[in-house]
């Protein structure tokens, strides 16, 4: 089914990344759908720590200064890998015009060994809208049908805009191997730590301790399911072990990326336990390999999400909990992108900032 092109303008506004602290609002042509794609009118688009890092010191991952090995994209890039939209053109008929959908952002081939074993996030030709090709920080985006999931009826746009990062948290929770009765420690109560907390809570009846600096993040962690919270500081290991038991946690999830936190996780996990790394440190951490080996500690990692397992459950979780209301900080027009990236990069945000590309700049 194909939408009426007469209602779709030929040009659009987009937030385009050129380099560190250089994101420009530009007039761009509406993308054309290729085979297997639909055209979406973007309703909400979010930014995350990856975007903030690229804003602060990039390009690192963004395909701007060198061609991406899979997509071939090089040059200025439309941001946005967390977005939802309304279908306005569906040449293949997989969705109806007017359907509201959430995007998984990552695109996989379905044929390589990793895809065949179900690990589509590790596809040999994986690309991500907003990182390797133009994304959804624009009025319109062309997106593959296979990475779109319907937004549940009645779910608000602001809350639905959290689906992709929550799917990342759900995938991390699955990767941790958490089971009923486990003692779990999550280091970091920012957005990703909160999504991981929600994922763990949805998968297992576990005792969950969350660590962060005193303030609204820890308060929120208690409201969305933490058993206890521990303020970060010099005595954080002793304080945490006093609450969970001297033998340590069954699972420690490092979701902050802050310096020294892998070492902290090693000190908190029990012998034979598991450490899951989610946060990305700015510099390579030192690792106490002797402790890892002698105590048979398992190290796991988590990257992105698996669409088939995580995006639809994330939308259902948002539809049945108060997580979205807890985590949405604010919604802005595209023109505010630079200001909000700076807030995120400098640690001024406790929740998720979303953008409504259809919204005009607020009057002074």
Protein backbone atom coordinates (compact mmCIF):
# COMPACT_ATOMS: atom_id res chain seq x y z
CA UNK A 1 0.00 0.00 0.00
CA UNK A 2 1.41 3.41 -0.93
CA UNK A 3 0.62 6.64 0.85
CA UNK A 4 -0.43 9.83 -0.91
CA UNK A 5 2.78 11.60 -1.88
CA UNK A 6 0.88 14.88 -2.18
CA UNK A 7 0.78 15.20 1.60
CA UNK A 8 4.56 14.71 1.87
CA UNK A 9 6.73 17.76 1.19
CA UNK A 10 9.82 17.31 -0.96
CA UNK A 11 12.16 18.87 1.59
CA UNK A 12 12.62 18.38 5.32
CA UNK A 13 14.45 19.76 8.33
CA UNK A 14 17.24 17.54 9.73
CA UNK A 15 19.91 17.67 12.46
CA UNK A 16 23.19 16.94 10.65
CA UNK A 17 26.46 16.01 12.37
CA UNK A 18 29.71 17.39 10.90
CA UNK A 19 32.12 16.88 13.78
CA UNK A 20 32.80 17.70 17.43
CA UNK A 21 30.38 20.41 18.60
CA UNK A 22 29.21 20.91 15.05
CA UNK A 23 25.60 19.84 14.49
CA UNK A 24 23.63 21.92 12.01
CA UNK A 25 19.92 22.17 11.28
CA UNK A 26 19.67 21.87 7.53
CA UNK A 27 17.14 21.64 4.74
CA UNK A 28 17.46 18.18 3.17
CA UNK A 29 15.52 16.23 0.52
CA UNK A 30 12.99 13.69 1.74
CA UNK A 31 14.62 10.24 1.42
CA UNK A 32 13.22 7.85 -1.17
CA UNK A 33 12.17 4.34 -0.11
CA UNK A 34 14.23 1.48 -1.49
CA UNK A 35 13.13 -2.17 -1.52
CA UNK A 36 11.89 -3.31 1.88
CA UNK A 37 11.64 0.20 3.32
CA UNK A 38 8.84 2.48 4.48
CA UNK A 39 8.84 6.24 4.80
CA UNK A 40 8.15 7.51 8.31
CA UNK A 41 7.11 10.91 9.55
CA UNK A 42 9.29 11.04 12.67
CA UNK A 43 7.29 11.77 15.82
CA UNK A 44 9.99 11.43 18.49
CA UNK A 45 13.75 10.99 18.29
CA UNK A 46 16.15 10.62 21.21
CA UNK A 47 19.84 11.08 21.96
CA UNK A 48 22.07 8.87 24.08
CA UNK A 49 25.60 8.68 25.47
CA UNK A 50 27.01 7.68 22.09
CA UNK A 51 25.64 10.88 20.54
CA UNK A 52 27.05 12.90 23.43
CA UNK A 53 30.51 11.36 23.04
CA UNK A 54 30.49 12.10 19.31
CA UNK A 55 29.37 15.66 20.08
CA UNK A 56 32.11 16.14 22.66
CA UNK A 57 35.10 14.60 20.88
CA UNK A 58 34.10 12.76 17.69
CA UNK A 59 33.85 11.51 15.11
CA UNK A 60 34.64 8.08 16.54
CA UNK A 61 31.83 5.76 15.42
CA UNK A 62 29.99 8.14 13.11
CA UNK A 63 30.70 7.60 9.40
CA UNK A 64 31.77 11.17 8.74
CA UNK A 65 35.52 11.34 8.07
CA UNK A 66 35.98 7.90 6.46
CA UNK A 67 33.67 5.56 4.54
CA UNK A 68 31.77 3.04 6.63
CA UNK A 69 32.96 -0.45 5.59
CA UNK A 70 29.42 -1.76 5.07
CA UNK A 71 27.19 1.18 4.14
CA UNK A 72 29.87 3.15 2.32
CA UNK A 73 28.49 6.36 3.85
CA UNK A 74 31.01 9.16 4.39
CA UNK A 75 30.43 12.82 5.17
CA UNK A 76 27.86 14.77 7.19
CA UNK A 77 25.37 12.42 8.85
CA UNK A 78 21.78 12.89 9.96
CA UNK A 79 21.68 11.90 13.63
CA UNK A 80 19.06 9.75 15.36
CA UNK A 81 19.11 6.03 16.17
CA UNK A 82 16.29 6.15 18.74
CA UNK A 83 13.07 7.11 16.99
CA UNK A 84 9.42 6.35 16.42
CA UNK A 85 7.26 7.49 13.56
CA UNK A 86 4.07 7.33 11.54
CA UNK A 87 4.06 5.44 8.25
CA UNK A 88 3.36 7.77 5.33
CA UNK A 89 4.52 5.52 2.47
CA UNK A 90 4.63 1.72 2.48
CA UNK A 91 5.47 0.48 -1.03
CA UNK A 92 5.73 -3.15 0.06
CA UNK A 93 2.51 -3.11 2.08
CA UNK A 94 4.09 -4.47 5.26
CA UNK A 95 2.52 -1.61 7.23
CA UNK A 96 -0.51 0.54 6.61
CA UNK A 97 -0.26 4.28 6.11
CA UNK A 98 -0.96 5.86 9.50
CA UNK A 99 0.58 3.02 11.56
CA UNK A 100 2.75 4.18 14.42
CA UNK A 101 5.95 2.18 14.78
CA UNK A 102 9.15 2.09 16.82
CA UNK A 103 12.48 1.55 15.10
CA UNK A 104 15.19 -0.80 16.27
CA UNK A 105 17.74 1.28 14.30
CA UNK A 106 20.11 -1.65 13.61
CA UNK A 107 19.89 -3.42 10.24
CA UNK A 108 21.10 -7.01 9.79
CA UNK A 109 21.52 -9.28 6.76
CA UNK A 110 19.79 -12.42 8.10
CA UNK A 111 22.22 -14.74 6.31
CA UNK A 112 25.65 -14.59 7.98
CA UNK A 113 26.60 -17.09 10.76
CA UNK A 114 25.80 -14.64 13.56
CA UNK A 115 22.37 -13.89 12.12
CA UNK A 116 21.65 -17.60 11.62
CA UNK A 117 22.37 -18.25 15.30
CA UNK A 118 20.01 -15.41 16.26
CA UNK A 119 22.64 -12.83 17.24
CA UNK A 120 21.55 -10.27 14.67
CA UNK A 121 23.20 -7.45 16.63
CA UNK A 122 26.56 -9.02 15.69
CA UNK A 123 25.72 -9.34 11.98
CA UNK A 124 28.78 -9.22 9.75
CA UNK A 125 27.17 -6.39 7.75
CA UNK A 126 25.37 -4.62 10.62
CA UNK A 127 24.58 -0.96 10.09
CA UNK A 128 22.74 1.46 12.33
CA UNK A 129 20.58 4.36 11.23
CA UNK A 130 21.97 7.51 12.80
CA UNK A 131 25.46 6.05 13.26
CA UNK A 132 26.52 4.57 9.92
CA UNK A 133 23.80 5.91 7.61
CA UNK A 134 21.36 8.81 7.89
CA UNK A 135 18.99 8.43 10.84
CA UNK A 136 15.80 9.73 12.37
CA UNK A 137 16.72 13.13 13.82
CA UNK A 138 14.72 14.66 10.98
CA UNK A 139 11.15 15.22 9.90
CA UNK A 140 11.21 12.06 7.77
CA UNK A 141 13.30 8.89 7.53
CA UNK A 142 13.30 5.84 5.26
CA UNK A 143 13.57 2.74 7.45
CA UNK A 144 13.61 -1.00 6.71
CA UNK A 145 10.29 -2.68 7.50
CA UNK A 146 11.98 -5.57 9.31
CA UNK A 147 13.35 -3.35 12.09
CA UNK A 148 10.02 -1.73 12.93
CA UNK A 149 7.55 -2.81 15.63
CA UNK A 150 3.99 -1.50 16.15
CA UNK A 151 3.49 0.95 19.00
CA UNK A 152 0.80 -0.41 21.37
CA UNK A 153 -2.57 1.34 21.23
CA UNK A 154 -2.80 4.11 23.80
CA UNK A 155 0.93 4.37 24.53
CA UNK A 156 1.97 8.02 24.52
CA UNK A 157 4.50 9.22 21.96
CA UNK A 158 6.88 10.45 24.66
CA UNK A 159 6.94 7.06 26.37
CA UNK A 160 7.09 5.08 23.12
CA UNK A 161 10.17 7.13 22.22
CA UNK A 162 12.09 5.15 24.85
CA UNK A 163 11.55 1.78 23.16
CA UNK A 164 14.94 1.40 21.48
CA UNK A 165 17.10 2.23 24.54
CA UNK A 166 14.90 0.06 26.74
CA UNK A 167 15.42 -2.80 24.26
CA UNK A 168 19.17 -2.28 24.81
CA UNK A 169 18.58 -2.58 28.57
CA UNK A 170 16.52 -5.73 28.11
CA UNK A 171 19.22 -7.31 25.99
CA UNK A 172 21.80 -6.48 28.65
CA UNK A 173 19.62 -8.06 31.33
CA UNK A 174 19.33 -11.24 29.26
CA UNK A 175 23.09 -11.28 28.69
CA UNK A 176 23.70 -11.10 32.45
CA UNK A 177 22.05 -14.51 32.93
CA UNK A 178 20.14 -13.25 35.98
CA UNK A 179 17.92 -15.82 37.74
CA UNK A 180 15.32 -15.79 40.48
CA UNK A 181 16.90 -15.24 43.88
CA UNK A 182 20.12 -13.68 42.56
CA UNK A 183 21.77 -10.79 44.31
CA UNK A 184 22.39 -8.22 41.59
CA UNK A 185 24.40 -5.00 41.79
CA UNK A 186 24.01 -2.33 39.08
CA UNK A 187 26.71 0.35 38.98
CA UNK A 188 25.21 3.49 37.44
CA UNK A 189 21.65 4.78 37.66
CA UNK A 190 21.60 7.00 34.59
CA UNK A 191 19.39 6.28 31.62
CA UNK A 192 21.05 3.03 30.54
CA UNK A 193 21.41 1.82 34.14
CA UNK A 194 17.71 2.49 34.67
CA UNK A 195 16.79 0.57 31.52
CA UNK A 196 18.96 -2.35 32.65
CA UNK A 197 17.30 -2.22 36.07
CA UNK A 198 13.88 -2.40 34.43
CA UNK A 199 15.07 -5.29 32.28
CA UNK A 200 16.41 -7.28 35.23
CA UNK A 201 13.22 -6.64 37.20
CA UNK A 202 11.10 -7.92 34.29
CA UNK A 203 13.12 -11.12 33.86
CA UNK A 204 13.73 -12.38 37.40
CA UNK A 205 12.72 -12.05 41.04
CA UNK A 206 16.13 -10.76 42.05
CA UNK A 207 17.47 -8.61 44.89
CA UNK A 208 18.80 -5.52 43.12
CA UNK A 209 21.22 -2.98 44.60
CA UNK A 210 21.90 0.18 42.58
CA UNK A 211 24.94 2.41 43.04
CA UNK A 212 25.28 6.04 42.00
CA UNK A 213 25.90 9.46 43.52
CA UNK A 214 23.25 10.69 45.95
CA UNK A 215 20.37 12.49 44.32
CA UNK A 216 17.46 12.04 41.92
CA UNK A 217 18.93 9.07 40.06
CA UNK A 218 19.00 6.91 43.18
CA UNK A 219 15.55 8.13 44.19
CA UNK A 220 14.26 7.07 40.77
CA UNK A 221 15.98 3.68 41.02
CA UNK A 222 13.97 2.90 44.15
CA UNK A 223 10.74 3.92 42.45
CA UNK A 224 11.33 1.67 39.42
CA UNK A 225 12.30 -1.46 41.30
CA UNK A 226 15.62 -1.36 43.14
CA UNK A 227 15.64 -3.27 46.43
CA UNK A 228 18.17 -0.85 47.88
CA UNK A 229 20.48 1.93 46.74
CA UNK A 230 24.03 2.71 47.86
CA UNK A 231 25.63 6.15 47.44
CA UNK A 232 28.92 6.11 45.52
CA UNK A 233 32.01 7.01 47.50
CA UNK A 234 35.19 5.71 49.05
CA UNK A 235 33.34 3.11 51.13
CA UNK A 236 30.99 1.92 48.39
CA UNK A 237 32.32 -1.66 48.30
CA UNK A 238 32.04 -2.13 52.07
CA UNK A 239 28.64 -0.43 52.15
CA UNK A 240 27.34 -2.63 49.33
CA UNK A 241 28.66 -5.87 50.84
CA UNK A 242 27.12 -4.91 54.17
CA UNK A 243 23.74 -4.95 52.45
CA UNK A 244 24.08 -8.02 50.21
CA UNK A 245 26.40 -10.21 52.28
CA UNK A 246 30.17 -10.49 52.54
CA UNK A 247 30.46 -13.22 49.89
CA UNK A 248 29.37 -10.76 47.20
CA UNK A 249 26.84 -10.45 44.39
CA UNK A 250 25.87 -13.19 41.99
CA UNK A 251 25.80 -10.65 39.16
CA UNK A 252 27.38 -7.20 38.94
CA UNK A 253 26.38 -5.01 35.97
CA UNK A 254 28.66 -2.08 35.20
CA UNK A 255 26.47 0.47 33.42
CA UNK A 256 28.30 3.72 34.11
CA UNK A 257 31.47 3.58 32.03
CA UNK A 258 33.13 5.63 34.79
CA UNK A 259 36.85 5.16 35.48
CA UNK A 260 37.73 2.33 37.88
CA UNK A 261 34.32 0.70 37.96
CA UNK A 262 35.41 -2.64 36.50
CA UNK A 263 37.81 -2.92 39.45
CA UNK A 264 34.94 -2.07 41.78
CA UNK A 265 32.77 -4.74 40.18
CA UNK A 266 35.50 -7.36 40.66
CA UNK A 267 35.64 -6.55 44.37
CA UNK A 268 31.87 -6.90 44.72
CA UNK A 269 31.16 -10.10 42.79
CA UNK A 270 31.22 -13.50 44.49
CA UNK A 271 33.56 -16.32 43.48
CA UNK A 272 32.04 -17.98 40.43
CA UNK A 273 29.84 -14.96 39.80
CA UNK A 274 29.28 -12.89 36.66
CA UNK A 275 30.22 -9.35 35.68
CA UNK A 276 28.37 -7.79 32.76
CA UNK A 277 29.96 -4.76 31.09
CA UNK A 278 27.55 -2.30 29.48
CA UNK A 279 29.11 1.13 30.03
CA UNK A 280 31.93 2.19 27.70
CA UNK A 281 34.93 3.72 29.50
CA UNK A 282 36.77 6.64 27.90
CA UNK A 283 40.13 4.90 28.37
CA UNK A 284 41.18 1.23 28.70
CA UNK A 285 40.69 0.05 32.32
CA UNK A 286 43.22 -1.85 34.39
CA UNK A 287 42.02 -5.37 35.18
CA UNK A 288 42.88 -7.56 38.15
CA UNK A 289 43.32 -10.69 36.04
CA UNK A 290 44.63 -12.71 39.01
CA UNK A 291 41.37 -12.24 40.92
CA UNK A 292 39.31 -13.08 37.83
CA UNK A 293 41.23 -16.30 37.24
CA UNK A 294 41.55 -17.55 40.80
CA UNK A 295 37.90 -16.86 41.61
CA UNK A 296 36.57 -18.10 38.24
CA UNK A 297 34.65 -14.89 37.58
CA UNK A 298 32.79 -14.76 34.28
CA UNK A 299 33.03 -11.55 32.25
CA UNK A 300 30.25 -10.86 29.76
CA UNK A 301 29.49 -7.88 27.57
CA UNK A 302 26.38 -6.48 25.90
CA UNK A 303 25.97 -4.52 22.70
CA UNK A 304 22.80 -3.01 21.22
CA UNK A 305 19.85 -5.43 21.17
CA UNK A 306 18.33 -8.31 19.23
CA UNK A 307 15.25 -7.01 17.47
CA UNK A 308 13.33 -10.31 17.52
CA UNK A 309 13.71 -10.67 21.29
CA UNK A 310 13.83 -7.17 22.68
CA UNK A 311 11.98 -4.37 20.87
CA UNK A 312 8.37 -5.61 21.15
CA UNK A 313 8.87 -6.65 24.82
CA UNK A 314 10.32 -3.20 25.49
CA UNK A 315 7.19 -1.56 24.09
CA UNK A 316 4.98 -3.83 26.21
CA UNK A 317 7.01 -3.02 29.31
CA UNK A 318 6.59 0.69 28.63
CA UNK A 319 2.85 0.16 28.17
CA UNK A 320 2.45 -1.65 31.51
CA UNK A 321 4.77 0.26 33.88
CA UNK A 322 5.55 3.82 34.91
CA UNK A 323 9.09 3.62 33.52
CA UNK A 324 8.47 6.10 30.73
CA UNK A 325 7.05 8.73 33.05
CA UNK A 326 10.09 8.34 35.29
CA UNK A 327 12.68 8.62 32.53
CA UNK A 328 11.49 11.26 30.06
CA UNK A 329 13.21 14.52 30.95
CA UNK A 330 11.77 16.80 28.29
CA UNK A 331 10.75 17.10 24.63
CA UNK A 332 12.26 19.74 22.32
CA UNK A 333 12.20 20.98 18.72
CA UNK A 334 15.15 20.03 16.52
CA UNK A 335 16.64 23.50 16.85
CA UNK A 336 17.56 22.70 20.47
CA UNK A 337 19.79 19.75 19.54
CA UNK A 338 23.18 21.39 20.24
CA UNK A 339 22.09 22.71 23.63
CA UNK A 340 20.71 19.35 24.71
CA UNK A 341 23.74 17.40 23.48
CA UNK A 342 25.91 19.70 25.58
CA UNK A 343 23.71 19.09 28.62
CA UNK A 344 24.01 15.34 28.09
CA UNK A 345 27.77 15.47 27.49
CA UNK A 346 28.35 17.46 30.69
CA UNK A 347 26.22 15.24 32.94
CA UNK A 348 23.39 17.72 33.44
CA UNK A 349 20.65 15.27 32.47
CA UNK A 350 19.14 12.63 34.73
CA UNK A 351 16.60 11.33 32.21
CA UNK A 352 16.06 11.03 28.46
CA UNK A 353 15.70 14.05 26.20
CA UNK A 354 13.48 13.56 23.16
CA UNK A 355 12.95 15.69 20.08
CA UNK A 356 9.77 16.27 18.09
CA UNK A 357 10.93 17.09 14.54
CA UNK A 358 7.41 18.21 13.62
CA UNK A 359 7.46 20.92 16.30
CA UNK A 360 8.49 24.50 15.56
CA UNK A 361 10.97 26.31 17.74
CA UNK A 362 9.29 27.64 20.85
CA UNK A 363 8.66 31.41 20.68
CA UNK A 364 10.89 33.57 22.94
